Amino acid sequence: MALKLPSDDRFHAALALSGSLVATKLFPEAISFLAAQMPKAQRAFGAEHDIVMRLRWSYGDVLHQDIGTSRDDVVEATTLLEE
């Protein structure tokens, strides 16, 4: 039986998980996870919702923290954070 959380709770859990991935320096996993969650949250809530903005901020932040990030990824992160 799958656990079915309300949308807000699911994305708050996603933010917590991404924070744990970053804290343990699992940057590629955090980047991949957040990239998958952002469009789902945007479909559920719209582009200007607080959760969507927090996911985007987290994504941009982890791209900046990962020393293995390419220049193109840093440009993408900067663009996300400026929007």
PDB file of N, CA and C in Angstrom:
ATOM      1  N   MET A   1       0.833  -1.166   0.000  1.00  0.00           N
ATOM      2  CA  MET A   1       0.000   0.000   0.000  1.00  0.00           C
ATOM      3  C   MET A   1       0.890   1.246   0.000  1.00  0.00           C
ATOM      4  N   ALA A   2       0.679   2.122  -0.948  1.00  0.00           N
ATOM      5  CA  ALA A   2       1.472   3.339  -1.057  1.00  0.00           C
ATOM      6  C   ALA A   2       0.919   4.416  -0.130  1.00  0.00           C
ATOM      7  N   LEU A   3       1.808   5.161   0.461  1.00  0.00           N
ATOM      8  CA  LEU A   3       1.427   6.272   1.325  1.00  0.00           C
ATOM      9  C   LEU A   3       1.026   7.442   0.438  1.00  0.00           C
ATOM     10  N   LYS A   4      -0.177   7.930   0.629  1.00  0.00           N
ATOM     11  CA  LYS A   4      -0.651   9.046  -0.190  1.00  0.00           C
ATOM     12  C   LYS A   4      -0.735  10.297   0.682  1.00  0.00           C
ATOM     13  N   LEU A   5       0.198  11.192   0.493  1.00  0.00           N
ATOM     14  CA  LEU A   5       0.226  12.439   1.251  1.00  0.00           C
ATOM     15  C   LEU A   5      -0.472  13.537   0.459  1.00  0.00           C
ATOM     16  N   PRO A   6      -1.110  14.483   1.138  1.00  0.00           N
ATOM     17  CA  PRO A   6      -1.622  15.653   0.422  1.00  0.00           C
ATOM     18  C   PRO A   6      -0.475  16.356  -0.291  1.00  0.00           C
ATOM     19  N   SER A   7      -0.784  17.056  -1.345  1.00  0.00           N
ATOM     20  CA  SER A   7       0.249  17.680  -2.180  1.00  0.00           C
ATOM     21  C   SER A   7       1.225  18.544  -1.393  1.00  0.00           C
ATOM     22  N   ASP A   8       0.715  19.416  -0.529  1.00  0.00           N
ATOM     23  CA  ASP A   8       1.610  20.284   0.250  1.00  0.00           C
ATOM     24  C   ASP A   8       2.591  19.456   1.069  1.00  0.00           C
ATOM     25  N   ASP A   9       2.066  18.448   1.752  1.00  0.00           N
ATOM     26  CA  ASP A   9       2.925  17.619   2.595  1.00  0.00           C
ATOM     27  C   ASP A   9       3.962  16.869   1.778  1.00  0.00           C
ATOM     28  N   ARG A  10       3.559  16.405   0.612  1.00  0.00           N
ATOM     29  CA  ARG A  10       4.493  15.660  -0.237  1.00  0.00           C
ATOM     30  C   ARG A  10       5.666  16.546  -0.651  1.00  0.00           C
ATOM     31  N   PHE A  11       5.384  17.768  -1.027  1.00  0.00           N
ATOM     32  CA  PHE A  11       6.467  18.641  -1.485  1.00  0.00           C
ATOM     33  C   PHE A  11       7.276  19.212  -0.323  1.00  0.00           C
ATOM     34  N   HIS A  12       6.673  19.356   0.840  1.00  0.00           N
ATOM     35  CA  HIS A  12       7.463  19.722   2.027  1.00  0.00           C
ATOM     36  C   HIS A  12       8.424  18.583   2.362  1.00  0.00           C
ATOM     37  N   ALA A  13       7.948  17.344   2.225  1.00  0.00           N
ATOM     38  CA  ALA A  13       8.824  16.183   2.444  1.00  0.00           C
ATOM     39  C   ALA A  13       9.935  16.157   1.400  1.00  0.00           C
ATOM     40  N   ALA A  14       9.618  16.530   0.166  1.00  0.00           N
ATOM     41  CA  ALA A  14      10.633  16.578  -0.890  1.00  0.00           C
ATOM     42  C   ALA A  14      11.704  17.613  -0.556  1.00  0.00           C
ATOM     43  N   LEU A  15      11.291  18.752  -0.029  1.00  0.00           N
ATOM     44  CA  LEU A  15      12.265  19.772   0.380  1.00  0.00           C
ATOM     45  C   LEU A  15      13.153  19.261   1.508  1.00  0.00           C
ATOM     46  N   ALA A  16      12.558  18.563   2.452  1.00  0.00           N
ATOM     47  CA  ALA A  16      13.336  18.016   3.570  1.00  0.00           C
ATOM     48  C   ALA A  16      14.336  16.977   3.070  1.00  0.00           C
ATOM     49  N   LEU A  17      13.895  16.119   2.161  1.00  0.00           N
ATOM     50  CA  LEU A  17      14.791  15.107   1.609  1.00  0.00           C
ATOM     51  C   LEU A  17      15.930  15.754   0.837  1.00  0.00           C
ATOM     52  N   SER A  18      15.619  16.753   0.031  1.00  0.00           N
ATOM     53  CA  SER A  18      16.685  17.415  -0.735  1.00  0.00           C
ATOM     54  C   SER A  18      17.679  18.081   0.214  1.00  0.00           C
ATOM     55  N   GLY A  19      17.184  18.648   1.313  1.00  0.00           N
ATOM     56  CA  GLY A  19      18.081  19.237   2.309  1.00  0.00           C
ATOM     57  C   GLY A  19      19.011  18.203   2.917  1.00  0.00           C
ATOM     58  N   SER A  20      18.474  17.013   3.169  1.00  0.00           N
ATOM     59  CA  SER A  20      19.305  15.928   3.705  1.00  0.00           C
ATOM     60  C   SER A  20      20.358  15.487   2.695  1.00  0.00           C
ATOM     61  N   LEU A  21      19.973  15.437   1.428  1.00  0.00           N
ATOM     62  CA  LEU A  21      20.935  15.061   0.380  1.00  0.00           C
ATOM     63  C   LEU A  21      22.070  16.082   0.307  1.00  0.00           C
ATOM     64  N   VAL A  22      21.727  17.345   0.401  1.00  0.00           N
ATOM     65  CA  VAL A  22      22.747  18.401   0.363  1.00  0.00           C
ATOM     66  C   VAL A  22      23.629  18.329   1.605  1.00  0.00           C
ATOM     67  N   ALA A  23      23.017  18.137   2.755  1.00  0.00           N
ATOM     68  CA  ALA A  23      23.776  18.076   4.009  1.00  0.00           C
ATOM     69  C   ALA A  23      24.794  16.941   4.011  1.00  0.00           C
ATOM     70  N   THR A  24      24.473  15.868   3.304  1.00  0.00           N
ATOM     71  CA  THR A  24      25.391  14.726   3.223  1.00  0.00           C
ATOM     72  C   THR A  24      26.259  14.796   1.968  1.00  0.00           C
ATOM     73  N   LYS A  25      26.232  15.959   1.318  1.00  0.00           N
ATOM     74  CA  LYS A  25      27.059  16.249   0.138  1.00  0.00           C
ATOM     75  C   LYS A  25      26.776  15.311  -1.048  1.00  0.00           C
ATOM     76  N   LEU A  26      25.538  14.848  -1.151  1.00  0.00           N
ATOM     77  CA  LEU A  26      25.105  14.039  -2.289  1.00  0.00           C
ATOM     78  C   LEU A  26      24.482  14.974  -3.325  1.00  0.00           C
ATOM     79  N   PHE A  27      25.326  15.890  -3.836  1.00  0.00           N
ATOM     80  CA  PHE A  27      24.850  16.935  -4.722  1.00  0.00           C
ATOM     81  C   PHE A  27      24.210  16.420  -6.004  1.00  0.00           C
ATOM     82  N   PRO A  28      24.826  15.469  -6.732  1.00  0.00           N
ATOM     83  CA  PRO A  28      24.173  15.004  -7.964  1.00  0.00           C
ATOM     84  C   PRO A  28      22.785  14.408  -7.715  1.00  0.00           C
ATOM     85  N   GLU A  29      22.639  13.699  -6.602  1.00  0.00           N
ATOM     86  CA  GLU A  29      21.342  13.124  -6.262  1.00  0.00           C
ATOM     87  C   GLU A  29      20.330  14.225  -5.935  1.00  0.00           C
ATOM     88  N   ALA A  30      20.766  15.247  -5.207  1.00  0.00           N
ATOM     89  CA  ALA A  30      19.884  16.359  -4.871  1.00  0.00           C
ATOM     90  C   ALA A  30      19.466  17.117  -6.128  1.00  0.00           C
ATOM     91  N   ILE A  31      20.402  17.328  -7.028  1.00  0.00           N
ATOM     92  CA  ILE A  31      20.103  18.034  -8.280  1.00  0.00           C
ATOM     93  C   ILE A  31      19.074  17.252  -9.088  1.00  0.00           C
ATOM     94  N   SER A  32      19.306  15.974  -9.247  1.00  0.00           N
ATOM     95  CA  SER A  32      18.389  15.129 -10.007  1.00  0.00           C
ATOM     96  C   SER A  32      17.002  15.089  -9.357  1.00  0.00           C
ATOM     97  N   PHE A  33      16.970  14.916  -8.053  1.00  0.00           N
ATOM     98  CA  PHE A  33      15.707  14.837  -7.329  1.00  0.00           C
ATOM     99  C   PHE A  33      14.922  16.140  -7.456  1.00  0.00           C
ATOM    100  N   LEU A  34      15.584  17.268  -7.222  1.00  0.00           N
ATOM    101  CA  LEU A  34      14.900  18.553  -7.309  1.00  0.00           C
ATOM    102  C   LEU A  34      14.433  18.849  -8.728  1.00  0.00           C
ATOM    103  N   ALA A  35      15.243  18.484  -9.713  1.00  0.00           N
ATOM    104  CA  ALA A  35      14.848  18.700 -11.107  1.00  0.00           C
ATOM    105  C   ALA A  35      13.583  17.921 -11.444  1.00  0.00           C
ATOM    106  N   ALA A  36      13.413  16.767 -10.847  1.00  0.00           N
ATOM    107  CA  ALA A  36      12.207  15.960 -11.075  1.00  0.00           C
ATOM    108  C   ALA A  36      11.004  16.516 -10.315  1.00  0.00           C
ATOM    109  N   GLN A  37      11.229  17.120  -9.153  1.00  0.00           N
ATOM    110  CA  GLN A  37      10.129  17.610  -8.321  1.00  0.00           C
ATOM    111  C   GLN A  37       9.582  18.965  -8.779  1.00  0.00           C
ATOM    112  N   MET A  38      10.439  19.813  -9.331  1.00  0.00           N
ATOM    113  CA  MET A  38      10.001  21.165  -9.694  1.00  0.00           C
ATOM    114  C   MET A  38       8.832  21.179 -10.677  1.00  0.00           C
ATOM    115  N   PRO A  39       8.884  20.429 -11.782  1.00  0.00           N
ATOM    116  CA  PRO A  39       7.737  20.488 -12.702  1.00  0.00           C
ATOM    117  C   PRO A  39       6.459  19.898 -12.093  1.00  0.00           C
ATOM    118  N   LYS A  40       6.589  18.895 -11.240  1.00  0.00           N
ATOM    119  CA  LYS A  40       5.424  18.312 -10.575  1.00  0.00           C
ATOM    120  C   LYS A  40       4.766  19.345  -9.665  1.00  0.00           C
ATOM    121  N   ALA A  41       5.572  20.055  -8.905  1.00  0.00           N
ATOM    122  CA  ALA A  41       5.042  21.078  -8.007  1.00  0.00           C
ATOM    123  C   ALA A  41       4.417  22.222  -8.796  1.00  0.00           C
ATOM    124  N   GLN A  42       5.048  22.578  -9.892  1.00  0.00           N
ATOM    125  CA  GLN A  42       4.516  23.668 -10.710  1.00  0.00           C
ATOM    126  C   GLN A  42       3.160  23.290 -11.297  1.00  0.00           C
ATOM    127  N   ARG A  43       3.017  22.036 -11.743  1.00  0.00           N
ATOM    128  CA  ARG A  43       1.718  21.580 -12.252  1.00  0.00           C
ATOM    129  C   ARG A  43       0.665  21.577 -11.145  1.00  0.00           C
ATOM    130  N   ALA A  44       1.063  21.198  -9.948  1.00  0.00           N
ATOM    131  CA  ALA A  44       0.122  21.098  -8.835  1.00  0.00           C
ATOM    132  C   ALA A  44      -0.302  22.467  -8.304  1.00  0.00           C
ATOM    133  N   PHE A  45       0.623  23.434  -8.271  1.00  0.00           N
ATOM    134  CA  PHE A  45       0.360  24.692  -7.583  1.00  0.00           C
ATOM    135  C   PHE A  45       0.461  25.949  -8.446  1.00  0.00           C
ATOM    136  N   GLY A  46       1.135  25.885  -9.573  1.00  0.00           N
ATOM    137  CA  GLY A  46       1.397  27.084 -10.363  1.00  0.00           C
ATOM    138  C   GLY A  46       2.786  27.626 -10.070  1.00  0.00           C
ATOM    139  N   ALA A  47       3.320  28.367 -11.011  1.00  0.00           N
ATOM    140  CA  ALA A  47       4.713  28.811 -10.961  1.00  0.00           C
ATOM    141  C   ALA A  47       5.041  29.734  -9.794  1.00  0.00           C
ATOM    142  N   GLU A  48       4.071  30.472  -9.285  1.00  0.00           N
ATOM    143  CA  GLU A  48       4.356  31.474  -8.256  1.00  0.00           C
ATOM    144  C   GLU A  48       4.095  30.982  -6.828  1.00  0.00           C
ATOM    145  N   HIS A  49       3.747  29.730  -6.665  1.00  0.00           N
ATOM    146  CA  HIS A  49       3.455  29.188  -5.333  1.00  0.00           C
ATOM    147  C   HIS A  49       4.727  29.100  -4.500  1.00  0.00           C
ATOM    148  N   ASP A  50       4.577  29.294  -3.191  1.00  0.00           N
ATOM    149  CA  ASP A  50       5.707  29.283  -2.263  1.00  0.00           C
ATOM    150  C   ASP A  50       6.534  27.991  -2.367  1.00  0.00           C
ATOM    151  N   ILE A  51       5.880  26.861  -2.449  1.00  0.00           N
ATOM    152  CA  ILE A  51       6.605  25.585  -2.520  1.00  0.00           C
ATOM    153  C   ILE A  51       7.429  25.496  -3.796  1.00  0.00           C
ATOM    154  N   VAL A  52       6.849  25.941  -4.906  1.00  0.00           N
ATOM    155  CA  VAL A  52       7.578  25.927  -6.179  1.00  0.00           C
ATOM    156  C   VAL A  52       8.801  26.834  -6.085  1.00  0.00           C
ATOM    157  N   MET A  53       8.613  28.009  -5.497  1.00  0.00           N
ATOM    158  CA  MET A  53       9.732  28.945  -5.360  1.00  0.00           C
ATOM    159  C   MET A  53      10.827  28.364  -4.460  1.00  0.00           C
ATOM    160  N   ARG A  54      10.436  27.678  -3.388  1.00  0.00           N
ATOM    161  CA  ARG A  54      11.416  27.073  -2.482  1.00  0.00           C
ATOM    162  C   ARG A  54      12.164  25.934  -3.163  1.00  0.00           C
ATOM    163  N   LEU A  55      11.464  25.142  -3.973  1.00  0.00           N
ATOM    164  CA  LEU A  55      12.138  24.081  -4.729  1.00  0.00           C
ATOM    165  C   LEU A  55      13.137  24.676  -5.717  1.00  0.00           C
ATOM    166  N   ARG A  56      12.740  25.732  -6.400  1.00  0.00           N
ATOM    167  CA  ARG A  56      13.639  26.381  -7.366  1.00  0.00           C
ATOM    168  C   ARG A  56      14.853  26.972  -6.655  1.00  0.00           C
ATOM    169  N   TRP A  57      14.605  27.611  -5.507  1.00  0.00           N
ATOM    170  CA  TRP A  57      15.708  28.182  -4.728  1.00  0.00           C
ATOM    171  C   TRP A  57      16.673  27.081  -4.289  1.00  0.00           C
ATOM    172  N   SER A  58      16.126  25.982  -3.811  1.00  0.00           N
ATOM    173  CA  SER A  58      16.965  24.861  -3.360  1.00  0.00           C
ATOM    174  C   SER A  58      17.782  24.299  -4.514  1.00  0.00           C
ATOM    175  N   TYR A  59      17.151  24.190  -5.676  1.00  0.00           N
ATOM    176  CA  TYR A  59      17.838  23.686  -6.865  1.00  0.00           C
ATOM    177  C   TYR A  59      18.993  24.612  -7.243  1.00  0.00           C
ATOM    178  N   GLY A  60      18.717  25.899  -7.299  1.00  0.00           N
ATOM    179  CA  GLY A  60      19.776  26.854  -7.622  1.00  0.00           C
ATOM    180  C   GLY A  60      20.890  26.835  -6.589  1.00  0.00           C
ATOM    181  N   ASP A  61      20.511  26.725  -5.328  1.00  0.00           N
ATOM    182  CA  ASP A  61      21.494  26.694  -4.252  1.00  0.00           C
ATOM    183  C   ASP A  61      22.407  25.477  -4.359  1.00  0.00           C
ATOM    184  N   VAL A  62      21.834  24.310  -4.603  1.00  0.00           N
ATOM    185  CA  VAL A  62      22.664  23.097  -4.683  1.00  0.00           C
ATOM    186  C   VAL A  62      23.562  23.141  -5.925  1.00  0.00           C
ATOM    187  N   LEU A  63      23.086  23.729  -7.019  1.00  0.00           N
ATOM    188  CA  LEU A  63      23.951  23.871  -8.195  1.00  0.00           C
ATOM    189  C   LEU A  63      25.156  24.751  -7.880  1.00  0.00           C
ATOM    190  N   HIS A  64      24.956  25.776  -7.070  1.00  0.00           N
ATOM    191  CA  HIS A  64      26.064  26.644  -6.679  1.00  0.00           C
ATOM    192  C   HIS A  64      27.022  25.957  -5.703  1.00  0.00           C
ATOM    193  N   GLN A  65      26.510  25.073  -4.865  1.00  0.00           N
ATOM    194  CA  GLN A  65      27.349  24.405  -3.867  1.00  0.00           C
ATOM    195  C   GLN A  65      28.199  23.282  -4.446  1.00  0.00           C
ATOM    196  N   ASP A  66      27.705  22.632  -5.486  1.00  0.00           N
ATOM    197  CA  ASP A  66      28.395  21.467  -6.050  1.00  0.00           C
ATOM    198  C   ASP A  66      29.600  21.921  -6.868  1.00  0.00           C
ATOM    199  N   ILE A  67      30.816  21.580  -6.401  1.00  0.00           N
ATOM    200  CA  ILE A  67      32.021  21.995  -7.129  1.00  0.00           C
ATOM    201  C   ILE A  67      32.170  21.261  -8.458  1.00  0.00           C
ATOM    202  N   GLY A  68      31.407  20.203  -8.668  1.00  0.00           N
ATOM    203  CA  GLY A  68      31.435  19.479  -9.933  1.00  0.00           C
ATOM    204  C   GLY A  68      30.466  20.027 -10.965  1.00  0.00           C
ATOM    205  N   THR A  69      29.761  21.111 -10.615  1.00  0.00           N
ATOM    206  CA  THR A  69      28.767  21.695 -11.503  1.00  0.00           C
ATOM    207  C   THR A  69      29.445  22.409 -12.662  1.00  0.00           C
ATOM    208  N   SER A  70      28.891  22.233 -13.845  1.00  0.00           N
ATOM    209  CA  SER A  70      29.441  22.887 -15.040  1.00  0.00           C
ATOM    210  C   SER A  70      29.073  24.372 -15.047  1.00  0.00           C
ATOM    211  N   ARG A  71      29.759  25.112 -15.883  1.00  0.00           N
ATOM    212  CA  ARG A  71      29.474  26.543 -16.014  1.00  0.00           C
ATOM    213  C   ARG A  71      28.044  26.759 -16.482  1.00  0.00           C
ATOM    214  N   ASP A  72      27.574  25.941 -17.402  1.00  0.00           N
ATOM    215  CA  ASP A  72      26.198  26.057 -17.884  1.00  0.00           C
ATOM    216  C   ASP A  72      25.198  25.846 -16.744  1.00  0.00           C
ATOM    217  N   ASP A  73      25.498  24.900 -15.852  1.00  0.00           N
ATOM    218  CA  ASP A  73      24.618  24.664 -14.709  1.00  0.00           C
ATOM    219  C   ASP A  73      24.600  25.858 -13.760  1.00  0.00           C
ATOM    220  N   VAL A  74      25.750  26.501 -13.575  1.00  0.00           N
ATOM    221  CA  VAL A  74      25.819  27.685 -12.717  1.00  0.00           C
ATOM    222  C   VAL A  74      25.008  28.819 -13.342  1.00  0.00           C
ATOM    223  N   VAL A  75      25.089  28.972 -14.654  1.00  0.00           N
ATOM    224  CA  VAL A  75      24.287  29.986 -15.344  1.00  0.00           C
ATOM    225  C   VAL A  75      22.801  29.683 -15.166  1.00  0.00           C
ATOM    226  N   GLU A  76      22.415  28.422 -15.285  1.00  0.00           N
ATOM    227  CA  GLU A  76      21.031  28.013 -15.087  1.00  0.00           C
ATOM    228  C   GLU A  76      20.589  28.324 -13.649  1.00  0.00           C
ATOM    229  N   ALA A  77      21.426  28.025 -12.693  1.00  0.00           N
ATOM    230  CA  ALA A  77      21.096  28.286 -11.291  1.00  0.00           C
ATOM    231  C   ALA A  77      20.918  29.769 -11.053  1.00  0.00           C
ATOM    232  N   THR A  78      21.803  30.567 -11.606  1.00  0.00           N
ATOM    233  CA  THR A  78      21.719  32.031 -11.450  1.00  0.00           C
ATOM    234  C   THR A  78      20.424  32.541 -12.058  1.00  0.00           C
ATOM    235  N   THR A  79      20.068  32.051 -13.224  1.00  0.00           N
ATOM    236  CA  THR A  79      18.834  32.444 -13.878  1.00  0.00           C
ATOM    237  C   THR A  79      17.629  32.077 -13.027  1.00  0.00           C
ATOM    238  N   LEU A  80      17.620  30.864 -12.484  1.00  0.00           N
ATOM    239  CA  LEU A  80      16.519  30.426 -11.624  1.00  0.00           C
ATOM    240  C   LEU A  80      16.388  31.317 -10.402  1.00  0.00           C
ATOM    241  N   LEU A  81      17.517  31.650  -9.789  1.00  0.00           N
ATOM    242  CA  LEU A  81      17.482  32.456  -8.571  1.00  0.00           C
ATOM    243  C   LEU A  81      17.093  33.905  -8.842  1.00  0.00           C
ATOM    244  N   GLU A  82      17.336  34.387 -10.050  1.00  0.00           N
ATOM    245  CA  GLU A  82      16.985  35.763 -10.388  1.00  0.00           C
ATOM    246  C   GLU A  82      15.523  35.915 -10.773  1.00  0.00           C
ATOM    247  N   GLU A  83      14.871  34.816 -11.193  1.00  0.00           N
ATOM    248  CA  GLU A  83      13.477  34.899 -11.652  1.00  0.00           C
ATOM    249  C   GLU A  83      12.506  35.157 -10.562  1.00  0.00           C
TER     250      GLU A  83
END
